[in-house]
Structure formats: C-alpha cells, structure tokens
Amino acid sequence: MMLALAGFQLAFALLGPALTLPTIETKKGLLSLPVLQKRSQSVNLRKRDNVVALGNVSTLTYLIRLEIGTPPQPVEVVLDTGSFELWVDPTCATAATQGQEEKCNASGRYVPGQSSTYVDKGAKQHIGYGKGGAEISYAADSILVPGSNSQPLRNVVFGVGVNTTELAWGVGGIGHGNGFNLHYNNLIDELHAQGITQSKAFSIALGGQYSETGGAIIFGGVDTKKFGGKLHKFDNMPPQIEGSKEGPWRYWVQMKSVGITTPNKVVATYEYSTMPALLDTGSTWSYLPQHIFDSLQDDFNATLSEDGSLEVPCSIADQPGTVDFTFGDLTIQVPYSEFISQLEPGYCALGVLPRKGSYDRAVLGASFLRSAYVIFDQTNQHLYMASYHDCGTNEQILSGEVGAALNLTGQCHSGHHLFASIPMCWIIVPAAFVLWVLALFL
C-alpha cells in the first residue's frame, strides 16, 4: 500500500473470517510466520445506489499477527511492502462501511495503559494513503512475533492510531526504515539489530487466491520449496518521482515488458511497457498505465464497469492463458485463474486498474505477486524473483553476503503451482468422476 504521495486510491476490504494457521517453526537466524488471507464478503459493487470504485475495495487482503506489550495483546496488521512504518488501532467507527467496522473491532486492539512496558515517545504524525489516512502517536513497547521462541523484541517504536479515516486495519509497513525513510528502527531493522535475523532481508510467498493454507513471510530466510530453479537478481532501484517530487525508498524493480499468452498460445507484448514497477503486497490490485489497461481490455474483450473494473465472464478464469510480466530474462506468467477475481457471485474482473497521473510507473500488487516468489534484500539493495510454486517447506537462512540468494536452488517443478492456485471445484469434480468410473468395475 503506497502513501498518498503516489496519487492513486487504495483501501481495505469487507473482510471474511480469518484462516486459522499454525505458527511455523523457526531456525536461529530466521523467523517464519503465516500470512493470513482475509477474503471479503460480497460487496455488491454494482447494486448500490452509489457505485463504489473498485480501487477503494479489497477482495483479498494479507495480514500478519503480532503480540504487543506486557502482557502481550494480539493484533493483526496488513502486510505491506509499499510502506515502512508499523501502526495499530484504527478508528473502527470511521471505517468505510459497517462491515469494515465489524471486522476492525474483531482484529484485536492494543491498549497502552494495559502494558507495563509501554513508553510514550511524545510525537505524532499523520500518514496519508490513497484512500483514508491515519493520525498516529508514537510509542515504544515489546513486540512478540509468533514463532520467535517467546523472545520479544524490546523497545520497538511504532504508531498507535489516534484518529483514522476509512481504514479497517493497522498497517505493518516493512519497507526501508532507518537511514532511508526514517530516523528510527522499524520492524525489519529491529529484527536484525536484536539478533533474530542475520540480514535485513525477507522473502514472501502469498500463496494462490484459492489456497487453503495461505502463504508465509520469512524474515532472514528463504523457502526453497516455494520456487523452482535459480532465483534472478535485480537492483532495488532508487527513489522514483511520485507526483511532482521524489518519493521515498521503496521496492522498485525495472520491468522490461507486459504482455499476454492466450489460451491458444498466441503471445503478444504491449508497446511502451518498459518501466519501473513497485512490488506492493498492500495493494490487492495491480496498477498499470492507461494504455496497457486499454490493451488488456481489448485482449480480454472486457467490459469497463461503473466501478472502474474490467469485467469478464467468470468462465475465462478456467482457461489456460497467462498475463506475462518480464524482468530481464525472467518472465512471471500469471495464470488467468490468479489474475481474475470473483468480486461477487457471477461478477468477475481482471486484477488491474489504471494508474492515474503517471504513464511510466507500475504498481504490482497481489494480483501479480501471488504468482511470484520474491526476496527483498535491504542489506544489499537487491530484489530476487522466481515464479511461485508450492511443493512443501524447506527454510534456509539468508546471510547478509552479496548475492547469497543466488546460491540457493528452488526444489519445485512447474506443476506444483497448480495445486496451490486452482479452484477446488477443478479438483473435486474430476476426482468424483474417477471414483464413479472405478465403482463401475468393482
């Protein structure tokens, strides 16, 4: 989720029940924990008197769970590579909808007065997002990250919501912190400074949008059973112009092209699609310049809806085409089943919106990142990527040495991804047919 400086709208979801996931075991030098998928209930985008812009609604949001204070108070925050500060306690009464307010109230609260280790830092700030904003008061307290062997991080600085608007969740910003965008240690900095990790690097696998096991984030490590073959290394590009001035440090990577491979294996590459791209887990959608948005509309024969989405028949998600994103000599092929989301029964849309006010920048949100395995290396200012697959778990510590990730080889084959991402009906129906055939001969 980018700050308002980027000039486009994002918001959070009418979120459904949380997935219950076990804490992932950890090794000394890394910390692994689940990424929780929260799916929206039907939002009836087209049936309201005032149509809601799709950019203001998230159908699938990714969160992590933290425990703050002494004794620990559990809270959930959005996992956000597009920002760099941690804050909690949104003002639930000002959430955009009643459904968001209910989910906000159920997400956990941090009450400073109930923590014996709370310290008021005596400073406030307003953080603006594309949709909504947060006035926060800075505090320091202990934070227990599930899976860290009950050893809390001490005196971590973060924000406590004083007054927020149209936000249903706090934000776990894991972008560049001290020495880049901040004058204090953020969560990534503290994990390294307090000896939990050997480097300020982490890897993310969001998992497929139909996955029942969710994804994981590994601070200081890599899971070689979440990709196949070698990782590809890219420079983390320096700050880009956002709006009318230079923005903060973010995870920008040079994108070579955007294109499509149709179910009939016809390959097309869109003109003028070479540009910096931001990797942003806090955004449900990917934001591309208008001309690429228009090309996708033409190739999918999509209908531009009142809410700003590109509506397509839901059956297209069953077809074996891909939307292709190329970086150097790596192409991440996003299956139609991951790039198309069902927003309400019978209403499906492409996971893309037009980037307003900028024709040479892209934001790649969850609609892209579900199909990529990404390592964010702040220690050496590199990004590593490979196509996402899921063939189990094998976590490896990532040292701070330059290019250390290049020594690791993914253990998955290309077919593993299918079982993590396709709708369950695709598996259940064929399985039932096989059982029926077997019954005829038994």
Protein backbone atom coordinates (compact mmCIF):
# COMPACT_ATOMS: atom_id res chain seq x y z
CA MET A 1 0.00 0.00 0.00
CA MET A 2 1.61 3.23 -1.12
CA LEU A 3 1.21 6.51 0.67
CA ALA A 4 -0.96 9.29 -0.78
CA LEU A 5 2.09 10.79 -2.47
CA ALA A 6 1.71 8.16 -5.18
CA GLY A 7 -1.62 9.65 -6.23
CA PHE A 8 -3.87 6.63 -6.64
CA GLN A 9 -6.55 5.10 -4.46
CA LEU A 10 -6.32 2.03 -2.28
CA ALA A 11 -8.46 0.87 0.61
CA PHE A 12 -9.13 -2.22 2.67
CA ALA A 13 -11.76 -4.91 2.46
CA LEU A 14 -15.02 -6.09 3.85
CA LEU A 15 -13.06 -8.98 5.25
CA GLY A 16 -14.21 -12.50 5.94
CA PRO A 17 -13.24 -14.99 8.66
CA ALA A 18 -9.54 -15.46 9.30
CA LEU A 19 -7.75 -18.61 8.28
CA THR A 20 -6.52 -20.49 11.33
CA LEU A 21 -2.90 -21.36 10.70
CA PRO A 22 -0.26 -22.93 12.92
CA THR A 23 2.82 -20.95 13.78
CA ILE A 24 5.67 -22.01 11.52
CA GLU A 25 8.73 -23.45 13.25
CA THR A 26 11.80 -21.24 13.16
CA LYS A 27 15.56 -21.68 12.99
CA LYS A 28 18.08 -19.47 14.71
CA GLY A 29 18.83 -16.67 12.26
CA LEU A 30 15.40 -16.54 10.61
CA LEU A 31 11.79 -16.05 11.61
CA SER A 32 8.91 -17.52 9.66
CA LEU A 33 5.25 -16.81 10.23
CA PRO A 34 1.99 -17.27 8.37
CA VAL A 35 0.48 -14.71 6.06
CA LEU A 36 -3.23 -14.69 6.82
CA GLN A 37 -5.68 -14.40 3.95
CA LYS A 38 -8.80 -12.37 4.70
CA ARG A 39 -11.39 -12.56 1.95
CA SER A 40 -14.19 -10.06 1.54
CA GLN A 41 -17.82 -10.96 1.64
CA SER A 42 -19.96 -9.95 -1.30
CA VAL A 43 -19.69 -6.19 -1.63
CA ASN A 44 -22.46 -5.74 -4.23
CA LEU A 45 -20.38 -3.23 -6.13
CA ARG A 46 -22.88 -2.82 -8.97
CA LYS A 47 -26.06 -2.98 -6.90
CA ARG A 48 -25.62 0.08 -4.71
CA ASP A 49 -27.22 3.43 -5.34
CA ASN A 50 -23.73 4.94 -5.33
CA VAL A 51 -21.34 2.67 -7.18
CA VAL A 52 -18.17 2.01 -5.20
CA ALA A 53 -14.90 2.45 -7.09
CA LEU A 54 -13.03 -0.84 -7.25
CA GLY A 55 -9.82 0.88 -6.18
CA ASN A 56 -11.47 1.51 -2.81
CA VAL A 57 -12.36 -2.14 -2.19
CA SER A 58 -10.06 -5.09 -1.49
CA THR A 59 -11.45 -8.55 -2.09
CA LEU A 60 -8.45 -10.36 -0.59
CA THR A 61 -6.12 -8.83 1.98
CA TYR A 62 -2.97 -10.28 3.50
CA LEU A 63 -2.15 -9.80 7.19
CA ILE A 64 0.30 -10.88 9.87
CA ARG A 65 -0.38 -11.31 13.57
CA LEU A 66 1.74 -9.62 16.25
CA GLU A 67 1.51 -9.50 20.04
CA ILE A 68 2.34 -6.13 21.58
CA GLY A 69 3.01 -5.14 25.18
CA THR A 70 3.38 -6.85 28.55
CA PRO A 71 1.30 -8.98 28.85
CA PRO A 72 1.02 -9.49 25.08
CA GLN A 73 -2.02 -8.07 23.27
CA PRO A 74 -2.71 -9.74 19.89
CA VAL A 75 -3.35 -7.54 16.84
CA GLU A 76 -3.47 -8.13 13.10
CA VAL A 77 -1.96 -5.69 10.59
CA VAL A 78 -1.80 -5.56 6.82
CA LEU A 79 1.43 -6.98 5.41
CA ASP A 80 2.62 -4.01 3.38
CA THR A 81 5.82 -3.79 1.34
CA GLY A 82 4.61 -0.46 -0.06
CA SER A 83 5.12 1.47 3.21
CA PHE A 84 7.67 1.42 6.01
CA GLU A 85 6.01 2.14 9.38
CA LEU A 86 4.10 -0.12 11.76
CA TRP A 87 0.98 1.26 13.38
CA VAL A 88 -2.05 -0.29 15.09
CA ASP A 89 -5.53 0.60 16.36
CA PRO A 90 -7.51 2.17 13.50
CA THR A 91 -10.63 4.11 14.50
CA CYS A 92 -13.22 1.47 13.73
CA ALA A 93 -16.18 3.87 13.85
CA THR A 94 -14.80 5.74 10.83
CA ALA A 95 -14.31 2.65 8.67
CA ALA A 96 -15.79 2.98 5.20
CA THR A 97 -18.65 0.54 5.77
CA GLN A 98 -20.45 -1.21 8.60
CA GLY A 99 -18.87 -4.48 7.52
CA GLN A 100 -15.42 -2.96 7.77
CA GLU A 101 -16.25 -1.59 11.20
CA GLU A 102 -17.24 -5.05 12.42
CA LYS A 103 -14.06 -6.62 11.08
CA CYS A 104 -12.00 -3.79 12.55
CA ASN A 105 -13.44 -4.43 16.01
CA ALA A 106 -12.61 -8.12 15.70
CA SER A 107 -8.99 -7.64 14.61
CA GLY A 108 -7.52 -7.01 18.06
CA ARG A 109 -6.64 -3.83 19.93
CA TYR A 110 -3.55 -2.58 21.67
CA VAL A 111 -4.35 -0.65 24.87
CA PRO A 112 -1.20 1.18 26.02
CA GLY A 113 -2.42 1.53 29.60
CA GLN A 114 -2.63 -2.24 29.94
CA SER A 115 1.05 -2.76 29.14
CA SER A 116 3.71 -2.40 31.84
CA THR A 117 6.41 -1.83 29.21
CA TYR A 118 4.64 0.94 27.24
CA VAL A 119 6.58 4.16 26.66
CA ASP A 120 5.01 7.29 25.17
CA LYS A 121 7.51 8.76 22.68
CA GLY A 122 5.82 12.17 22.74
CA ALA A 123 5.47 12.57 18.98
CA LYS A 124 2.62 12.41 16.48
CA GLN A 125 2.32 12.22 12.72
CA HIS A 126 -0.31 11.97 10.00
CA ILE A 127 0.12 9.26 7.37
CA GLY A 128 -1.95 9.68 4.24
CA TYR A 129 -2.89 6.83 1.94
CA GLY A 130 -4.61 6.96 -1.43
CA LYS A 131 -7.87 6.33 0.38
CA GLY A 132 -8.10 7.31 4.02
CA GLY A 133 -5.40 8.30 6.45
CA ALA A 134 -4.13 7.87 9.99
CA GLU A 135 -3.04 10.24 12.72
CA ILE A 136 -0.74 8.24 14.97
CA SER A 137 1.01 8.77 18.28
CA TYR A 138 4.42 7.14 18.57
CA ALA A 139 5.06 4.60 21.30
CA ALA A 140 7.72 2.06 22.22
CA ASP A 141 6.92 -1.37 23.63
CA SER A 142 7.78 -5.02 23.44
CA ILE A 143 6.57 -6.93 20.40
CA LEU A 144 6.31 -10.70 20.40
CA VAL A 145 6.32 -12.15 16.90
CA PRO A 146 4.71 -15.61 16.88
CA GLY A 147 7.39 -18.21 16.24
CA SER A 148 10.26 -16.25 17.81
CA ASN A 149 10.59 -18.76 20.69
CA SER A 150 8.82 -16.41 23.13
CA GLN A 151 11.67 -13.88 22.95
CA PRO A 152 10.08 -10.46 22.43
CA LEU A 153 11.68 -7.57 20.61
CA ARG A 154 12.37 -4.83 23.16
CA ASN A 155 11.54 -1.13 22.86
CA VAL A 156 10.23 -1.25 19.31
CA VAL A 157 8.93 2.10 18.06
CA PHE A 158 5.54 2.05 16.31
CA GLY A 159 2.40 4.13 15.95
CA VAL A 160 -0.88 3.93 17.84
CA GLY A 161 -3.90 5.23 15.98
CA VAL A 162 -5.36 8.45 17.41
CA ASN A 163 -7.80 9.16 14.61
CA THR A 164 -8.05 7.29 11.33
CA THR A 165 -10.47 7.51 8.42
CA GLU A 166 -11.75 4.75 6.13
CA LEU A 167 -9.16 2.22 7.30
CA ALA A 168 -10.21 -1.08 8.84
CA TRP A 169 -6.76 -2.36 9.76
CA GLY A 170 -3.46 -1.16 11.11
CA VAL A 171 -0.51 -1.41 8.74
CA GLY A 172 2.65 -3.46 9.05
CA GLY A 173 4.95 -1.47 6.79
CA ILE A 174 8.13 -3.46 6.05
CA GLY A 175 9.81 -1.09 3.61
CA HIS A 176 13.12 0.72 4.06
CA GLY A 177 13.50 2.12 7.56
CA ASN A 178 16.32 3.76 9.49
CA GLY A 179 18.81 5.59 7.28
CA PHE A 180 16.48 5.56 4.30
CA ASN A 181 12.99 6.83 5.12
CA LEU A 182 13.07 7.04 8.92
CA HIS A 183 15.21 8.28 11.78
CA TYR A 184 14.35 5.27 13.92
CA ASN A 185 14.40 1.48 13.55
CA ASN A 186 11.32 -0.08 12.02
CA LEU A 187 10.35 -3.76 12.39
CA ILE A 188 12.86 -5.02 9.81
CA ASP A 189 15.65 -3.02 11.45
CA GLU A 190 14.83 -4.32 14.94
CA LEU A 191 14.66 -7.97 13.87
CA HIS A 192 18.23 -7.61 12.62
CA ALA A 193 19.53 -5.35 15.40
CA GLN A 194 18.19 -7.65 18.14
CA GLY A 195 19.72 -10.77 16.59
CA ILE A 196 16.61 -12.53 15.31
CA THR A 197 17.85 -12.41 11.70
CA GLN A 198 21.32 -12.39 10.12
CA SER A 199 20.35 -9.90 7.43
CA LYS A 200 17.73 -7.27 6.68
CA ALA A 201 16.25 -9.49 4.02
CA PHE A 202 12.95 -11.35 3.90
CA SER A 203 11.01 -13.48 1.44
CA ILE A 204 7.29 -13.61 0.72
CA ALA A 205 5.03 -16.25 -0.79
CA LEU A 206 1.44 -15.03 -0.73
CA GLY A 207 0.04 -18.33 -2.00
CA GLY A 208 -2.74 -18.72 -4.53
CA GLN A 209 -6.01 -16.87 -4.08
CA TYR A 210 -7.76 -20.24 -3.72
CA SER A 211 -5.13 -21.75 -1.43
CA GLU A 212 -6.45 -23.07 1.87
CA THR A 213 -3.06 -22.97 3.60
CA GLY A 214 -2.21 -19.34 2.91
CA GLY A 215 1.29 -18.01 2.44
CA ALA A 216 4.28 -17.17 4.59
CA ILE A 217 6.86 -14.47 5.18
CA ILE A 218 10.35 -15.48 6.28
CA PHE A 219 12.40 -12.74 7.90
CA GLY A 220 16.07 -13.51 7.27
CA GLY A 221 15.40 -16.59 5.17
CA VAL A 222 14.18 -18.33 2.03
CA ASP A 223 11.96 -21.35 1.40
CA THR A 224 13.44 -23.38 -1.46
CA LYS A 225 10.19 -25.32 -1.81
CA LYS A 226 8.30 -22.23 -2.93
CA PHE A 227 10.01 -21.87 -6.32
CA GLY A 228 11.88 -23.90 -8.90
CA GLY A 229 15.36 -23.44 -10.35
CA LYS A 230 17.51 -20.38 -9.80
CA LEU A 231 16.47 -17.01 -8.47
CA HIS A 232 17.02 -13.93 -10.63
CA LYS A 233 18.72 -10.90 -9.07
CA PHE A 234 17.67 -7.31 -9.76
CA ASP A 235 18.77 -3.96 -8.42
CA ASN A 236 16.43 -2.26 -5.99
CA MET A 237 16.02 0.97 -7.93
CA PRO A 238 16.47 4.30 -6.11
CA PRO A 239 13.53 6.57 -5.24
CA GLN A 240 11.27 7.49 -8.16
CA ILE A 241 9.32 10.63 -8.91
CA GLU A 242 5.90 10.30 -7.26
CA GLY A 243 3.51 13.08 -8.06
CA SER A 244 5.70 16.14 -8.53
CA LYS A 245 8.67 15.22 -6.34
CA GLU A 246 11.00 12.42 -5.44
CA GLY A 247 9.37 9.76 -3.33
CA PRO A 248 10.81 7.64 -0.51
CA TRP A 249 12.84 4.47 -0.88
CA ARG A 250 10.60 1.61 -2.00
CA TYR A 251 10.95 -1.78 -3.66
CA TRP A 252 11.19 -0.58 -7.27
CA VAL A 253 12.39 -3.02 -9.95
CA GLN A 254 12.90 -2.41 -13.66
CA MET A 255 10.17 -4.13 -15.65
CA LYS A 256 11.01 -4.98 -19.26
CA SER A 257 7.53 -5.66 -20.62
CA VAL A 258 3.92 -6.65 -20.03
CA GLY A 259 2.09 -8.98 -22.37
CA ILE A 260 -0.30 -11.87 -22.68
CA THR A 261 -0.29 -15.51 -23.75
CA THR A 262 -3.76 -16.52 -24.89
CA PRO A 263 -5.28 -19.97 -24.33
CA ASN A 264 -4.43 -20.62 -27.99
CA LYS A 265 -0.75 -19.87 -27.25
CA VAL A 266 -0.78 -16.56 -29.13
CA VAL A 267 1.83 -14.32 -27.48
CA ALA A 268 1.60 -10.51 -27.52
CA THR A 269 3.83 -7.91 -25.89
CA TYR A 270 2.40 -4.45 -25.22
CA GLU A 271 4.19 -1.38 -26.52
CA TYR A 272 5.74 1.09 -24.09
CA SER A 273 5.57 -1.33 -21.17
CA THR A 274 9.19 -0.92 -20.06
CA MET A 275 9.09 0.98 -16.76
CA PRO A 276 9.90 0.84 -13.04
CA ALA A 277 7.46 -1.31 -11.09
CA LEU A 278 6.75 -1.24 -7.36
CA LEU A 279 6.22 -4.58 -5.61
CA ASP A 280 3.38 -3.85 -3.16
CA THR A 281 1.74 -6.56 -1.06
CA GLY A 282 -0.57 -3.95 0.48
CA SER A 283 -2.40 -3.48 -2.82
CA THR A 284 -4.96 -6.06 -3.90
CA TRP A 285 -4.81 -4.83 -7.50
CA SER A 286 -2.03 -4.03 -9.93
CA TYR A 287 -1.95 -0.51 -11.32
CA LEU A 288 -0.73 -0.09 -14.89
CA PRO A 289 -0.64 2.90 -17.25
CA GLN A 290 -3.85 3.60 -19.15
CA HIS A 291 -2.56 2.32 -22.50
CA ILE A 292 -1.70 -1.10 -21.02
CA PHE A 293 -5.03 -1.18 -19.19
CA ASP A 294 -6.74 -0.50 -22.52
CA SER A 295 -4.76 -3.27 -24.24
CA LEU A 296 -5.81 -5.77 -21.58
CA GLN A 297 -9.40 -4.66 -22.03
CA ASP A 298 -9.16 -5.34 -25.77
CA ASP A 299 -7.43 -8.70 -25.46
CA PHE A 300 -9.87 -10.00 -22.86
CA ASN A 301 -12.84 -8.37 -24.61
CA ALA A 302 -13.63 -6.98 -21.17
CA THR A 303 -16.37 -4.53 -20.26
CA LEU A 304 -15.47 -1.37 -18.35
CA SER A 305 -17.85 -1.31 -15.39
CA GLU A 306 -19.13 1.68 -13.44
CA ASP A 307 -16.87 0.76 -10.52
CA GLY A 308 -13.79 1.08 -12.76
CA SER A 309 -13.14 -2.64 -13.15
CA LEU A 310 -12.68 -4.66 -16.31
CA GLU A 311 -15.47 -7.20 -16.11
CA VAL A 312 -15.04 -10.56 -17.83
CA PRO A 313 -17.08 -13.78 -17.82
CA CYS A 314 -16.04 -15.86 -14.82
CA SER A 315 -15.51 -18.85 -17.11
CA ILE A 316 -12.41 -17.16 -18.57
CA ALA A 317 -10.59 -17.88 -15.30
CA ASP A 318 -10.79 -21.58 -16.21
CA GLN A 319 -8.86 -21.06 -19.43
CA PRO A 320 -5.09 -21.78 -19.63
CA GLY A 321 -3.90 -18.30 -20.59
CA THR A 322 -1.47 -16.04 -18.73
CA VAL A 323 -0.69 -12.36 -18.27
CA ASP A 324 3.08 -12.06 -18.64
CA PHE A 325 5.43 -9.73 -16.75
CA THR A 326 9.08 -9.75 -17.86
CA PHE A 327 12.08 -8.55 -15.85
CA GLY A 328 15.41 -9.00 -17.61
CA ASP A 329 15.44 -12.64 -18.74
CA LEU A 330 12.75 -13.71 -16.23
CA THR A 331 9.08 -13.85 -17.19
CA ILE A 332 6.47 -14.33 -14.47
CA GLN A 333 3.39 -15.81 -16.12
CA VAL A 334 0.30 -15.07 -14.05
CA PRO A 335 -2.43 -17.63 -14.80
CA TYR A 336 -5.88 -16.30 -15.67
CA SER A 337 -7.08 -18.11 -12.53
CA GLU A 338 -4.89 -15.80 -10.41
CA PHE A 339 -5.32 -12.58 -12.38
CA ILE A 340 -9.12 -12.78 -12.45
CA SER A 341 -11.05 -12.41 -9.19
CA GLN A 342 -14.69 -13.04 -8.41
CA LEU A 343 -15.97 -9.88 -6.71
CA GLU A 344 -19.47 -11.20 -6.15
CA PRO A 345 -21.45 -14.16 -7.48
CA GLY A 346 -21.40 -14.06 -11.27
CA TYR A 347 -19.21 -10.93 -11.37
CA CYS A 348 -15.52 -11.37 -12.17
CA ALA A 349 -12.90 -8.76 -13.02
CA LEU A 350 -9.27 -8.55 -14.08
CA GLY A 351 -6.90 -7.70 -11.24
CA VAL A 352 -5.81 -4.40 -12.77
CA LEU A 353 -6.75 -0.74 -12.58
CA PRO A 354 -5.34 2.25 -14.50
CA ARG A 355 -2.54 4.21 -12.86
CA LYS A 356 -3.73 7.80 -12.67
CA GLY A 357 -1.36 10.68 -13.27
CA SER A 358 1.66 8.62 -14.31
CA TYR A 359 2.37 6.88 -17.58
CA ASP A 360 5.78 5.44 -16.84
CA ARG A 361 5.36 3.67 -13.49
CA ALA A 362 3.55 0.50 -12.43
CA VAL A 363 2.42 -0.90 -9.11
CA LEU A 364 2.32 -4.68 -8.97
CA GLY A 365 0.02 -5.79 -6.20
CA ALA A 366 -1.29 -9.15 -5.07
CA SER A 367 -2.82 -9.96 -8.46
CA PHE A 368 0.79 -10.25 -9.69
CA LEU A 369 2.62 -11.25 -6.50
CA ARG A 370 0.57 -14.40 -5.96
CA SER A 371 2.48 -15.87 -8.91
CA ALA A 372 5.94 -14.68 -7.84
CA TYR A 373 8.34 -15.67 -5.09
CA VAL A 374 10.22 -12.56 -4.02
CA ILE A 375 13.18 -11.87 -1.74
CA PHE A 376 13.51 -8.26 -0.56
CA ASP A 377 17.15 -7.67 0.41
CA GLN A 378 17.63 -4.33 2.16
CA THR A 379 21.15 -5.25 3.25
CA ASN A 380 22.45 -5.16 -0.32
CA GLN A 381 19.63 -3.29 -2.12
CA HIS A 382 18.68 -6.24 -4.31
CA LEU A 383 15.43 -7.95 -5.20
CA TYR A 384 15.32 -11.62 -6.19
CA MET A 385 12.43 -13.22 -8.03
CA ALA A 386 11.27 -16.54 -9.43
CA SER A 387 7.92 -17.99 -10.44
CA TYR A 388 5.97 -19.19 -7.39
CA HIS A 389 5.40 -22.91 -6.88
CA ASP A 390 4.45 -24.85 -3.76
CA CYS A 391 5.98 -28.26 -3.10
CA GLY A 392 6.35 -28.19 0.68
CA THR A 393 8.63 -26.35 3.10
CA ASN A 394 12.42 -26.14 3.32
CA GLU A 395 13.55 -22.95 5.01
CA GLN A 396 17.12 -21.72 4.64
CA ILE A 397 18.88 -18.87 6.42
CA LEU A 398 19.87 -15.96 4.18
CA SER A 399 23.13 -14.32 5.21
CA GLY A 400 23.96 -10.70 4.54
CA GLU A 401 26.55 -11.54 1.88
CA VAL A 402 26.07 -10.00 -1.55
CA GLY A 403 24.31 -12.44 -3.87
CA ALA A 404 23.80 -15.10 -1.17
CA ALA A 405 20.37 -15.99 -2.57
CA LEU A 406 21.94 -16.97 -5.89
CA ASN A 407 23.49 -19.98 -4.17
CA LEU A 408 20.05 -21.43 -3.45
CA THR A 409 18.14 -23.59 -5.91
CA GLY A 410 14.38 -23.99 -5.87
CA GLN A 411 13.20 -27.57 -5.49
CA CYS A 412 9.80 -27.37 -7.21
CA HIS A 413 8.70 -28.41 -10.65
CA SER A 414 6.32 -26.25 -12.67
CA GLY A 415 3.27 -28.40 -11.99
CA HIS A 416 3.30 -27.85 -8.24
CA HIS A 417 1.80 -24.37 -8.56
CA LEU A 418 -1.45 -25.70 -9.98
CA PHE A 419 -2.49 -27.41 -6.80
CA ALA A 420 -1.96 -24.24 -4.82
CA SER A 421 -3.91 -21.92 -7.08
CA ILE A 422 -6.75 -23.57 -8.94
CA PRO A 423 -10.31 -23.51 -7.59
CA MET A 424 -11.16 -26.58 -5.58
CA CYS A 425 -14.01 -27.49 -7.92
CA TRP A 426 -11.43 -28.20 -10.63
CA ILE A 427 -10.01 -30.96 -8.44
CA ILE A 428 -13.18 -32.25 -6.78
CA VAL A 429 -15.19 -32.77 -9.97
CA PRO A 430 -12.56 -34.85 -11.82
CA ALA A 431 -11.89 -36.84 -8.64
CA ALA A 432 -15.57 -37.64 -8.27
CA PHE A 433 -15.70 -38.79 -11.89
CA VAL A 434 -12.74 -41.13 -11.36
CA LEU A 435 -14.39 -42.65 -8.30
CA TRP A 436 -17.61 -43.17 -10.25
CA VAL A 437 -15.72 -44.94 -13.06
CA LEU A 438 -13.91 -47.17 -10.58
CA ALA A 439 -17.20 -48.07 -8.94
CA LEU A 440 -18.47 -49.45 -12.25
CA PHE A 441 -15.73 -52.09 -12.25
CA LEU A 442 -15.68 -53.01 -8.57
